Amino acid sequence: MIADVLAQTTQKMARAVEVAKEDFATIRTGRANPALFQKILVSYYGTPTPLGQLAAFQNQEARTIVITPYDKGALKDIEQAIRDTPNLGAQPTNDGSLVRVTLPELTEERRKEFVKVVRAKAEDARVTVRNLRRKSKDELDALKAEVGDDEVARAEKELEALTKSHVDAIDDALKRKETELLEV
């Protein structure tokens, strides 16, 4: 029982770290990266759909991405969704068969704004990990009558070590992304 609780918690915490890393990838650095566009939601026939499911991406130059939609009828919706994305600052152009997005140069001020956004995403991930720890601790406390105080105490120490390792992984990813963002 205790092993099941710890295994589920480990799996969920690892997923929280992966989500944080995916979120960091959507924050742009100096180069255009298709990951910036993957999670943009496009109103496709009235349904919010991730852009990654609607189109193929190509890096043409360091700051230019070419988006080729699978359905040409979605061109205007894709263009509008990119234009409405706040952290991108990009102006897409539509030539009838594809969308070309040129990202502006990052200024020092904009880089610092992105660092703040990344730090907020990292804090959200840490909170998620801590909430998972709290939920697992409650589950372990409920098992005290069945397995005993010593086993639960040992499991709680293991849970704390798990939490620390996952929070450290988030912090490491944050440091790498900050360095990447502030590099000119």
N, C-alpha and C. Protein backbone atom coordinates (compact mmCIF):
# COMPACT_ATOMS: atom_id res chain seq x y z
N MET A 1 0.82 -1.20 0.00
CA MET A 1 0.00 0.00 0.00
C MET A 1 0.86 1.26 0.00
N ILE A 2 1.83 1.28 0.92
CA ILE A 2 2.72 2.44 1.00
C ILE A 2 3.51 2.57 -0.30
N ALA A 3 3.98 1.46 -0.81
CA ALA A 3 4.75 1.47 -2.06
C ALA A 3 3.90 2.01 -3.21
N ASP A 4 2.63 1.67 -3.23
CA ASP A 4 1.73 2.17 -4.28
C ASP A 4 1.59 3.69 -4.20
N VAL A 5 1.40 4.19 -2.99
CA VAL A 5 1.25 5.64 -2.80
C VAL A 5 2.52 6.35 -3.27
N LEU A 6 3.68 5.84 -2.87
CA LEU A 6 4.95 6.47 -3.25
C LEU A 6 5.19 6.36 -4.76
N ALA A 7 4.83 5.24 -5.35
CA ALA A 7 5.02 5.07 -6.80
C ALA A 7 4.14 6.04 -7.59
N GLN A 8 2.89 6.17 -7.17
CA GLN A 8 1.98 7.11 -7.85
C GLN A 8 2.48 8.54 -7.70
N THR A 9 2.94 8.87 -6.49
CA THR A 9 3.43 10.23 -6.24
C THR A 9 4.66 10.52 -7.08
N THR A 10 5.57 9.55 -7.17
CA THR A 10 6.78 9.73 -7.98
C THR A 10 6.40 9.99 -9.44
N GLN A 11 5.47 9.21 -9.94
CA GLN A 11 5.03 9.36 -11.33
C GLN A 11 4.41 10.75 -11.56
N LYS A 12 3.56 11.18 -10.66
CA LYS A 12 2.90 12.47 -10.81
C LYS A 12 3.88 13.63 -10.68
N MET A 13 4.84 13.50 -9.76
CA MET A 13 5.85 14.56 -9.59
C MET A 13 6.74 14.64 -10.83
N ALA A 14 7.10 13.49 -11.38
CA ALA A 14 7.92 13.49 -12.60
C ALA A 14 7.16 14.16 -13.74
N ARG A 15 5.87 13.91 -13.81
CA ARG A 15 5.05 14.56 -14.85
C ARG A 15 4.99 16.07 -14.63
N ALA A 16 4.94 16.51 -13.37
CA ALA A 16 4.93 17.95 -13.08
C ALA A 16 6.23 18.60 -13.55
N VAL A 17 7.36 17.91 -13.36
CA VAL A 17 8.65 18.42 -13.83
C VAL A 17 8.66 18.50 -15.36
N GLU A 18 8.13 17.48 -16.03
CA GLU A 18 8.08 17.48 -17.49
C GLU A 18 7.20 18.62 -18.02
N VAL A 19 6.08 18.85 -17.37
CA VAL A 19 5.19 19.94 -17.77
C VAL A 19 5.92 21.28 -17.62
N ALA A 20 6.66 21.44 -16.54
CA ALA A 20 7.42 22.67 -16.33
C ALA A 20 8.44 22.86 -17.45
N LYS A 21 9.13 21.80 -17.82
CA LYS A 21 10.13 21.90 -18.90
C LYS A 21 9.46 22.23 -20.23
N GLU A 22 8.28 21.65 -20.48
CA GLU A 22 7.55 21.96 -21.71
C GLU A 22 7.11 23.42 -21.71
N ASP A 23 6.67 23.91 -20.55
CA ASP A 23 6.28 25.32 -20.45
C ASP A 23 7.48 26.23 -20.69
N PHE A 24 8.65 25.84 -20.18
CA PHE A 24 9.85 26.65 -20.40
C PHE A 24 10.18 26.70 -21.89
N ALA A 25 9.95 25.62 -22.59
CA ALA A 25 10.26 25.57 -24.02
C ALA A 25 9.37 26.51 -24.82
N THR A 26 8.20 26.86 -24.29
CA THR A 26 7.31 27.77 -25.01
C THR A 26 7.71 29.23 -24.83
N ILE A 27 8.66 29.50 -23.95
CA ILE A 27 9.16 30.88 -23.77
C ILE A 27 10.35 31.04 -24.71
N ARG A 28 10.28 32.06 -25.52
CA ARG A 28 11.28 32.18 -26.56
C ARG A 28 12.59 32.78 -26.08
N THR A 29 13.66 32.36 -26.72
CA THR A 29 14.97 32.95 -26.50
C THR A 29 15.29 33.72 -27.77
N GLY A 30 16.51 33.79 -28.19
CA GLY A 30 16.87 34.57 -29.37
C GLY A 30 16.43 33.95 -30.68
N ARG A 31 16.25 32.63 -30.72
CA ARG A 31 15.93 31.94 -31.97
C ARG A 31 14.47 31.55 -32.02
N ALA A 32 13.96 31.46 -33.22
CA ALA A 32 12.60 30.96 -33.43
C ALA A 32 12.62 29.46 -33.23
N ASN A 33 11.67 28.96 -32.49
CA ASN A 33 11.62 27.54 -32.17
C ASN A 33 10.18 27.06 -32.34
N PRO A 34 9.96 25.97 -33.07
CA PRO A 34 8.59 25.48 -33.26
C PRO A 34 7.85 25.20 -31.95
N ALA A 35 8.58 24.91 -30.87
CA ALA A 35 7.94 24.65 -29.58
C ALA A 35 7.18 25.87 -29.07
N LEU A 36 7.57 27.05 -29.54
CA LEU A 36 6.87 28.28 -29.14
C LEU A 36 5.41 28.26 -29.58
N PHE A 37 5.15 27.56 -30.67
CA PHE A 37 3.83 27.60 -31.28
C PHE A 37 2.97 26.37 -31.00
N GLN A 38 3.57 25.32 -30.46
CA GLN A 38 2.87 24.05 -30.29
C GLN A 38 1.59 24.17 -29.46
N LYS A 39 1.63 24.96 -28.39
CA LYS A 39 0.49 25.01 -27.46
C LYS A 39 -0.47 26.17 -27.71
N ILE A 40 -0.21 26.96 -28.73
CA ILE A 40 -1.13 28.06 -29.05
C ILE A 40 -2.47 27.45 -29.46
N LEU A 41 -3.53 27.91 -28.83
CA LEU A 41 -4.86 27.37 -29.14
C LEU A 41 -5.49 28.15 -30.29
N VAL A 42 -5.92 27.44 -31.30
CA VAL A 42 -6.56 28.02 -32.49
C VAL A 42 -8.02 27.60 -32.47
N SER A 43 -8.91 28.54 -32.74
CA SER A 43 -10.33 28.21 -32.82
C SER A 43 -10.56 27.54 -34.17
N TYR A 44 -10.56 26.22 -34.17
CA TYR A 44 -10.70 25.44 -35.39
C TYR A 44 -12.11 24.88 -35.44
N TYR A 45 -12.94 25.45 -36.29
CA TYR A 45 -14.36 25.10 -36.39
C TYR A 45 -15.03 25.19 -35.01
N GLY A 46 -14.68 26.25 -34.28
CA GLY A 46 -15.31 26.51 -32.99
C GLY A 46 -14.70 25.76 -31.82
N THR A 47 -13.73 24.90 -32.06
CA THR A 47 -13.10 24.12 -30.99
C THR A 47 -11.67 24.59 -30.79
N PRO A 48 -11.28 24.95 -29.55
CA PRO A 48 -9.89 25.32 -29.30
C PRO A 48 -8.97 24.10 -29.53
N THR A 49 -8.08 24.22 -30.49
CA THR A 49 -7.20 23.12 -30.86
C THR A 49 -5.75 23.60 -30.84
N PRO A 50 -4.83 22.82 -30.25
CA PRO A 50 -3.41 23.22 -30.26
C PRO A 50 -2.89 23.33 -31.70
N LEU A 51 -2.13 24.36 -31.97
CA LEU A 51 -1.61 24.61 -33.31
C LEU A 51 -0.76 23.44 -33.81
N GLY A 52 -0.08 22.75 -32.90
CA GLY A 52 0.75 21.61 -33.29
C GLY A 52 -0.04 20.50 -33.96
N GLN A 53 -1.36 20.44 -33.72
CA GLN A 53 -2.20 19.42 -34.35
C GLN A 53 -2.76 19.89 -35.70
N LEU A 54 -2.61 21.17 -36.00
CA LEU A 54 -3.21 21.72 -37.21
C LEU A 54 -2.22 22.02 -38.33
N ALA A 55 -0.92 22.01 -38.01
CA ALA A 55 0.04 22.48 -39.00
C ALA A 55 1.42 21.86 -38.79
N ALA A 56 2.23 21.98 -39.85
CA ALA A 56 3.64 21.58 -39.81
C ALA A 56 4.48 22.85 -39.67
N PHE A 57 5.63 22.74 -39.02
CA PHE A 57 6.49 23.89 -38.78
C PHE A 57 7.84 23.68 -39.45
N GLN A 58 8.42 24.80 -39.94
CA GLN A 58 9.76 24.78 -40.50
C GLN A 58 10.50 26.00 -40.01
N ASN A 59 11.75 25.83 -39.60
CA ASN A 59 12.62 26.96 -39.28
C ASN A 59 13.26 27.40 -40.58
N GLN A 60 12.92 28.61 -41.03
CA GLN A 60 13.52 29.07 -42.27
C GLN A 60 14.83 29.80 -41.99
N GLU A 61 14.77 30.69 -41.01
CA GLU A 61 15.96 31.45 -40.60
C GLU A 61 15.97 31.46 -39.08
N ALA A 62 16.92 32.17 -38.50
CA ALA A 62 17.05 32.19 -37.04
C ALA A 62 15.79 32.74 -36.37
N ARG A 63 15.13 33.71 -36.98
CA ARG A 63 13.97 34.32 -36.34
C ARG A 63 12.68 34.13 -37.14
N THR A 64 12.67 33.23 -38.12
CA THR A 64 11.49 33.03 -38.96
C THR A 64 11.03 31.57 -38.91
N ILE A 65 9.73 31.40 -38.72
CA ILE A 65 9.11 30.08 -38.74
C ILE A 65 8.05 30.10 -39.84
N VAL A 66 8.00 29.03 -40.62
CA VAL A 66 6.96 28.88 -41.63
C VAL A 66 6.00 27.82 -41.14
N ILE A 67 4.73 28.18 -41.08
CA ILE A 67 3.68 27.27 -40.60
C ILE A 67 2.80 26.89 -41.79
N THR A 68 2.76 25.60 -42.09
CA THR A 68 1.96 25.10 -43.20
C THR A 68 0.78 24.31 -42.63
N PRO A 69 -0.42 24.88 -42.70
CA PRO A 69 -1.58 24.18 -42.14
C PRO A 69 -1.97 22.97 -43.00
N TYR A 70 -2.48 21.95 -42.33
CA TYR A 70 -2.96 20.76 -43.03
C TYR A 70 -4.27 21.08 -43.76
N ASP A 71 -5.04 22.02 -43.19
CA ASP A 71 -6.30 22.45 -43.79
C ASP A 71 -6.17 23.94 -44.12
N LYS A 72 -6.17 24.28 -45.39
CA LYS A 72 -5.98 25.68 -45.81
C LYS A 72 -7.09 26.60 -45.28
N GLY A 73 -8.23 26.02 -44.93
CA GLY A 73 -9.33 26.82 -44.40
C GLY A 73 -9.03 27.37 -43.01
N ALA A 74 -8.00 26.85 -42.36
CA ALA A 74 -7.66 27.30 -41.00
C ALA A 74 -6.62 28.41 -41.00
N LEU A 75 -6.19 28.86 -42.18
CA LEU A 75 -5.13 29.88 -42.27
C LEU A 75 -5.44 31.14 -41.46
N LYS A 76 -6.62 31.69 -41.67
CA LYS A 76 -6.97 32.95 -41.00
C LYS A 76 -7.06 32.75 -39.48
N ASP A 77 -7.60 31.60 -39.06
CA ASP A 77 -7.70 31.31 -37.63
C ASP A 77 -6.31 31.16 -37.00
N ILE A 78 -5.40 30.50 -37.70
CA ILE A 78 -4.03 30.33 -37.20
C ILE A 78 -3.35 31.68 -37.09
N GLU A 79 -3.50 32.48 -38.14
CA GLU A 79 -2.89 33.81 -38.14
C GLU A 79 -3.42 34.65 -36.98
N GLN A 80 -4.71 34.60 -36.73
CA GLN A 80 -5.33 35.37 -35.66
C GLN A 80 -4.86 34.88 -34.28
N ALA A 81 -4.76 33.57 -34.11
CA ALA A 81 -4.32 33.02 -32.83
C ALA A 81 -2.89 33.44 -32.51
N ILE A 82 -2.03 33.44 -33.51
CA ILE A 82 -0.63 33.87 -33.30
C ILE A 82 -0.59 35.35 -32.96
N ARG A 83 -1.38 36.13 -33.66
CA ARG A 83 -1.42 37.57 -33.43
C ARG A 83 -1.91 37.88 -32.00
N ASP A 84 -2.85 37.05 -31.50
CA ASP A 84 -3.44 37.28 -30.19
C ASP A 84 -2.61 36.74 -29.03
N THR A 85 -1.54 35.99 -29.31
CA THR A 85 -0.71 35.43 -28.25
C THR A 85 0.16 36.54 -27.66
N PRO A 86 -0.01 36.82 -26.35
CA PRO A 86 0.64 37.99 -25.75
C PRO A 86 2.16 37.93 -25.65
N ASN A 87 2.76 36.81 -25.28
CA ASN A 87 4.20 36.77 -25.02
C ASN A 87 5.05 36.62 -26.27
N LEU A 88 4.43 36.52 -27.44
CA LEU A 88 5.19 36.27 -28.66
C LEU A 88 5.68 37.56 -29.30
N GLY A 89 4.81 38.55 -29.39
CA GLY A 89 5.17 39.82 -30.02
C GLY A 89 5.45 39.67 -31.51
N ALA A 90 4.85 38.68 -32.15
CA ALA A 90 5.12 38.41 -33.56
C ALA A 90 3.97 38.89 -34.44
N GLN A 91 4.31 39.24 -35.67
CA GLN A 91 3.30 39.62 -36.64
C GLN A 91 3.33 38.60 -37.78
N PRO A 92 2.35 37.71 -37.83
CA PRO A 92 2.32 36.70 -38.89
C PRO A 92 1.84 37.29 -40.21
N THR A 93 2.32 36.71 -41.30
CA THR A 93 1.83 37.09 -42.63
C THR A 93 1.32 35.82 -43.32
N ASN A 94 0.23 35.99 -44.03
CA ASN A 94 -0.46 34.87 -44.67
C ASN A 94 -0.36 35.08 -46.17
N ASP A 95 0.20 34.09 -46.90
CA ASP A 95 0.30 34.24 -48.35
C ASP A 95 -0.70 33.36 -49.10
N GLY A 96 -1.70 32.84 -48.39
CA GLY A 96 -2.73 32.03 -49.05
C GLY A 96 -2.55 30.54 -48.88
N SER A 97 -1.31 30.10 -48.64
CA SER A 97 -1.09 28.67 -48.45
C SER A 97 -0.29 28.36 -47.19
N LEU A 98 0.39 29.36 -46.65
CA LEU A 98 1.14 29.17 -45.41
C LEU A 98 1.21 30.48 -44.63
N VAL A 99 1.62 30.36 -43.39
CA VAL A 99 1.78 31.54 -42.53
C VAL A 99 3.26 31.66 -42.20
N ARG A 100 3.80 32.84 -42.42
CA ARG A 100 5.20 33.11 -42.12
C ARG A 100 5.24 34.03 -40.90
N VAL A 101 5.99 33.61 -39.88
CA VAL A 101 6.07 34.39 -38.64
C VAL A 101 7.52 34.80 -38.43
N THR A 102 7.75 36.11 -38.37
CA THR A 102 9.08 36.62 -38.07
C THR A 102 9.02 37.21 -36.67
N LEU A 103 9.88 36.70 -35.80
CA LEU A 103 9.90 37.17 -34.43
C LEU A 103 10.84 38.37 -34.30
N PRO A 104 10.45 39.38 -33.55
CA PRO A 104 11.31 40.56 -33.39
C PRO A 104 12.52 40.23 -32.51
N GLU A 105 13.56 41.05 -32.63
CA GLU A 105 14.74 40.91 -31.76
C GLU A 105 14.31 41.09 -30.31
N LEU A 106 14.98 40.36 -29.43
CA LEU A 106 14.67 40.50 -28.01
C LEU A 106 15.50 41.63 -27.42
N THR A 107 14.82 42.57 -26.78
CA THR A 107 15.53 43.65 -26.09
C THR A 107 15.86 43.18 -24.68
N GLU A 108 16.72 43.91 -24.01
CA GLU A 108 17.10 43.57 -22.64
C GLU A 108 15.87 43.55 -21.73
N GLU A 109 15.01 44.54 -21.93
CA GLU A 109 13.78 44.63 -21.12
C GLU A 109 12.87 43.42 -21.35
N ARG A 110 12.73 43.03 -22.59
CA ARG A 110 11.87 41.89 -22.94
C ARG A 110 12.45 40.58 -22.37
N ARG A 111 13.77 40.45 -22.40
CA ARG A 111 14.41 39.27 -21.82
C ARG A 111 14.10 39.17 -20.33
N LYS A 112 14.17 40.31 -19.64
CA LYS A 112 13.89 40.30 -18.20
C LYS A 112 12.43 39.97 -17.92
N GLU A 113 11.53 40.42 -18.80
CA GLU A 113 10.11 40.05 -18.66
C GLU A 113 9.94 38.54 -18.81
N PHE A 114 10.63 37.96 -19.77
CA PHE A 114 10.55 36.51 -19.98
C PHE A 114 11.11 35.74 -18.79
N VAL A 115 12.17 36.27 -18.16
CA VAL A 115 12.72 35.62 -16.97
C VAL A 115 11.66 35.61 -15.86
N LYS A 116 10.92 36.70 -15.72
CA LYS A 116 9.85 36.74 -14.71
C LYS A 116 8.76 35.71 -15.01
N VAL A 117 8.43 35.58 -16.28
CA VAL A 117 7.41 34.61 -16.68
C VAL A 117 7.89 33.19 -16.37
N VAL A 118 9.15 32.91 -16.69
CA VAL A 118 9.72 31.58 -16.44
C VAL A 118 9.74 31.29 -14.94
N ARG A 119 10.10 32.28 -14.14
CA ARG A 119 10.13 32.08 -12.68
C ARG A 119 8.72 31.79 -12.15
N ALA A 120 7.72 32.47 -12.70
CA ALA A 120 6.34 32.22 -12.27
C ALA A 120 5.92 30.79 -12.65
N LYS A 121 6.30 30.34 -13.83
CA LYS A 121 5.97 28.96 -14.25
C LYS A 121 6.68 27.95 -13.36
N ALA A 122 7.92 28.25 -12.97
CA ALA A 122 8.66 27.35 -12.08
C ALA A 122 7.99 27.29 -10.71
N GLU A 123 7.55 28.43 -10.22
CA GLU A 123 6.87 28.43 -8.91
C GLU A 123 5.57 27.64 -8.98
N ASP A 124 4.84 27.77 -10.08
CA ASP A 124 3.62 26.97 -10.24
C ASP A 124 3.93 25.47 -10.19
N ALA A 125 5.02 25.08 -10.84
CA ALA A 125 5.42 23.67 -10.83
C ALA A 125 5.81 23.22 -9.43
N ARG A 126 6.53 24.08 -8.69
CA ARG A 126 6.90 23.73 -7.31
C ARG A 126 5.66 23.56 -6.45
N VAL A 127 4.69 24.44 -6.63
CA VAL A 127 3.44 24.35 -5.86
C VAL A 127 2.73 23.04 -6.19
N THR A 128 2.73 22.66 -7.44
CA THR A 128 2.10 21.39 -7.84
C THR A 128 2.78 20.23 -7.14
N VAL A 129 4.10 20.23 -7.10
CA VAL A 129 4.84 19.14 -6.44
C VAL A 129 4.52 19.13 -4.95
N ARG A 130 4.46 20.30 -4.33
CA ARG A 130 4.14 20.35 -2.89
C ARG A 130 2.72 19.87 -2.61
N ASN A 131 1.80 20.21 -3.50
CA ASN A 131 0.42 19.74 -3.33
C ASN A 131 0.35 18.22 -3.44
N LEU A 132 1.13 17.66 -4.36
CA LEU A 132 1.18 16.20 -4.49
C LEU A 132 1.75 15.58 -3.21
N ARG A 133 2.76 16.24 -2.65
CA ARG A 133 3.34 15.74 -1.39
C ARG A 133 2.29 15.75 -0.29
N ARG A 134 1.55 16.86 -0.18
CA ARG A 134 0.53 16.98 0.87
C ARG A 134 -0.54 15.90 0.71
N LYS A 135 -0.99 15.68 -0.52
CA LYS A 135 -2.02 14.67 -0.77
C LYS A 135 -1.50 13.28 -0.40
N SER A 136 -0.27 12.99 -0.77
CA SER A 136 0.32 11.68 -0.46
C SER A 136 0.51 11.51 1.04
N LYS A 137 0.89 12.58 1.71
CA LYS A 137 1.06 12.52 3.16
C LYS A 137 -0.27 12.20 3.83
N ASP A 138 -1.34 12.81 3.35
CA ASP A 138 -2.68 12.51 3.89
C ASP A 138 -3.03 11.03 3.66
N GLU A 139 -2.70 10.52 2.48
CA GLU A 139 -2.97 9.10 2.20
C GLU A 139 -2.15 8.20 3.13
N LEU A 140 -0.91 8.59 3.38
CA LEU A 140 -0.07 7.79 4.29
C LEU A 140 -0.60 7.83 5.72
N ASP A 141 -1.06 9.01 6.14
CA ASP A 141 -1.62 9.13 7.49
C ASP A 141 -2.86 8.25 7.65
N ALA A 142 -3.62 8.10 6.58
CA ALA A 142 -4.81 7.26 6.63
C ALA A 142 -4.43 5.78 6.77
N LEU A 143 -3.22 5.43 6.37
CA LEU A 143 -2.77 4.03 6.45
C LEU A 143 -2.14 3.68 7.80
N LYS A 144 -1.98 4.66 8.70
CA LYS A 144 -1.30 4.42 9.98
C LYS A 144 -1.90 3.26 10.75
N ALA A 145 -3.21 3.16 10.79
CA ALA A 145 -3.87 2.10 11.57
C ALA A 145 -3.54 0.72 11.01
N GLU A 146 -3.36 0.64 9.70
CA GLU A 146 -3.12 -0.66 9.07
C GLU A 146 -1.66 -1.11 9.13
N VAL A 147 -0.71 -0.19 8.91
CA VAL A 147 0.69 -0.58 8.78
C VAL A 147 1.58 -0.17 9.95
N GLY A 148 1.14 0.78 10.76
CA GLY A 148 1.93 1.20 11.91
C GLY A 148 2.63 2.53 11.69
N ASP A 149 2.95 3.16 12.82
CA ASP A 149 3.56 4.48 12.79
C ASP A 149 4.97 4.48 12.19
N ASP A 150 5.74 3.44 12.50
CA ASP A 150 7.13 3.39 12.03
C ASP A 150 7.20 3.33 10.50
N GLU A 151 6.38 2.50 9.91
CA GLU A 151 6.36 2.37 8.45
C GLU A 151 5.93 3.69 7.79
N VAL A 152 4.93 4.34 8.38
CA VAL A 152 4.45 5.61 7.83
C VAL A 152 5.53 6.68 7.97
N ALA A 153 6.23 6.70 9.10
CA ALA A 153 7.31 7.68 9.32
C ALA A 153 8.42 7.47 8.29
N ARG A 154 8.78 6.20 8.03
CA ARG A 154 9.80 5.89 7.03
C ARG A 154 9.34 6.36 5.64
N ALA A 155 8.09 6.11 5.33
CA ALA A 155 7.54 6.50 4.03
C ALA A 155 7.50 8.03 3.89
N GLU A 156 7.20 8.73 4.98
CA GLU A 156 7.17 10.20 4.93
C GLU A 156 8.56 10.77 4.67
N LYS A 157 9.59 10.14 5.25
CA LYS A 157 10.97 10.59 4.97
C LYS A 157 11.29 10.37 3.50
N GLU A 158 10.87 9.24 2.96
CA GLU A 158 11.08 8.94 1.55
C GLU A 158 10.32 9.95 0.68
N LEU A 159 9.11 10.31 1.11
CA LEU A 159 8.29 11.29 0.39
C LEU A 159 8.98 12.65 0.36
N GLU A 160 9.58 13.05 1.49
CA GLU A 160 10.30 14.32 1.54
C GLU A 160 11.49 14.32 0.58
N ALA A 161 12.22 13.19 0.54
CA ALA A 161 13.36 13.08 -0.38
C ALA A 161 12.90 13.18 -1.84
N LEU A 162 11.77 12.52 -2.14
CA LEU A 162 11.20 12.60 -3.49
C LEU A 162 10.85 14.05 -3.85
N THR A 163 10.20 14.71 -2.92
CA THR A 163 9.78 16.10 -3.15
C THR A 163 11.00 16.98 -3.41
N LYS A 164 12.01 16.83 -2.58
CA LYS A 164 13.23 17.65 -2.73
C LYS A 164 13.88 17.40 -4.08
N SER A 165 13.97 16.14 -4.49
CA SER A 165 14.64 15.85 -5.77
C SER A 165 13.86 16.45 -6.95
N HIS A 166 12.54 16.41 -6.89
CA HIS A 166 11.75 16.96 -8.00
C HIS A 166 11.77 18.50 -8.00
N VAL A 167 11.76 19.11 -6.82
CA VAL A 167 11.87 20.57 -6.76
C VAL A 167 13.24 21.00 -7.27
N ASP A 168 14.29 20.24 -6.92
CA ASP A 168 15.63 20.55 -7.41
C ASP A 168 15.70 20.44 -8.94
N ALA A 169 15.00 19.45 -9.51
CA ALA A 169 14.97 19.30 -10.96
C ALA A 169 14.31 20.51 -11.62
N ILE A 170 13.25 21.01 -11.01
CA ILE A 170 12.58 22.21 -11.53
C ILE A 170 13.53 23.40 -11.44
N ASP A 171 14.23 23.53 -10.31
CA ASP A 171 15.16 24.65 -10.13
C ASP A 171 16.31 24.59 -11.15
N ASP A 172 16.81 23.39 -11.43
CA ASP A 172 17.88 23.25 -12.42
C ASP A 172 17.40 23.67 -13.80
N ALA A 173 16.20 23.24 -14.17
CA ALA A 173 15.64 23.62 -15.47
C ALA A 173 15.44 25.14 -15.54
N LEU A 174 15.01 25.72 -14.42
CA LEU A 174 14.82 27.18 -14.35
C LEU A 174 16.16 27.90 -14.56
N LYS A 175 17.20 27.45 -13.91
CA LYS A 175 18.52 28.10 -14.05
C LYS A 175 19.00 28.03 -15.49
N ARG A 176 18.82 26.85 -16.13
CA ARG A 176 19.24 26.72 -17.52
C ARG A 176 18.46 27.69 -18.43
N LYS A 177 17.17 27.79 -18.20
CA LYS A 177 16.34 28.66 -19.05
C LYS A 177 16.68 30.13 -18.81
N GLU A 178 16.92 30.51 -17.56
CA GLU A 178 17.31 31.91 -17.27
C GLU A 178 18.60 32.26 -17.98
N THR A 179 19.59 31.35 -17.90
CA THR A 179 20.87 31.58 -18.56
C THR A 179 20.66 31.73 -20.05
N GLU A 180 19.84 30.87 -20.62
CA GLU A 180 19.54 30.90 -22.05
C GLU A 180 18.87 32.21 -22.44
N LEU A 181 17.95 32.68 -21.59
CA LEU A 181 17.22 33.92 -21.89
C LEU A 181 18.12 35.16 -21.79
N LEU A 182 18.99 35.19 -20.81
CA LEU A 182 19.80 36.38 -20.59
C LEU A 182 21.04 36.43 -21.48
N GLU A 183 21.33 35.32 -22.17
CA GLU A 183 22.47 35.27 -23.08
C GLU A 183 22.15 36.09 -24.33
N VAL A 184 23.04 37.00 -24.67
CA VAL A 184 22.79 37.87 -25.82
C VAL A 184 23.47 37.36 -27.06
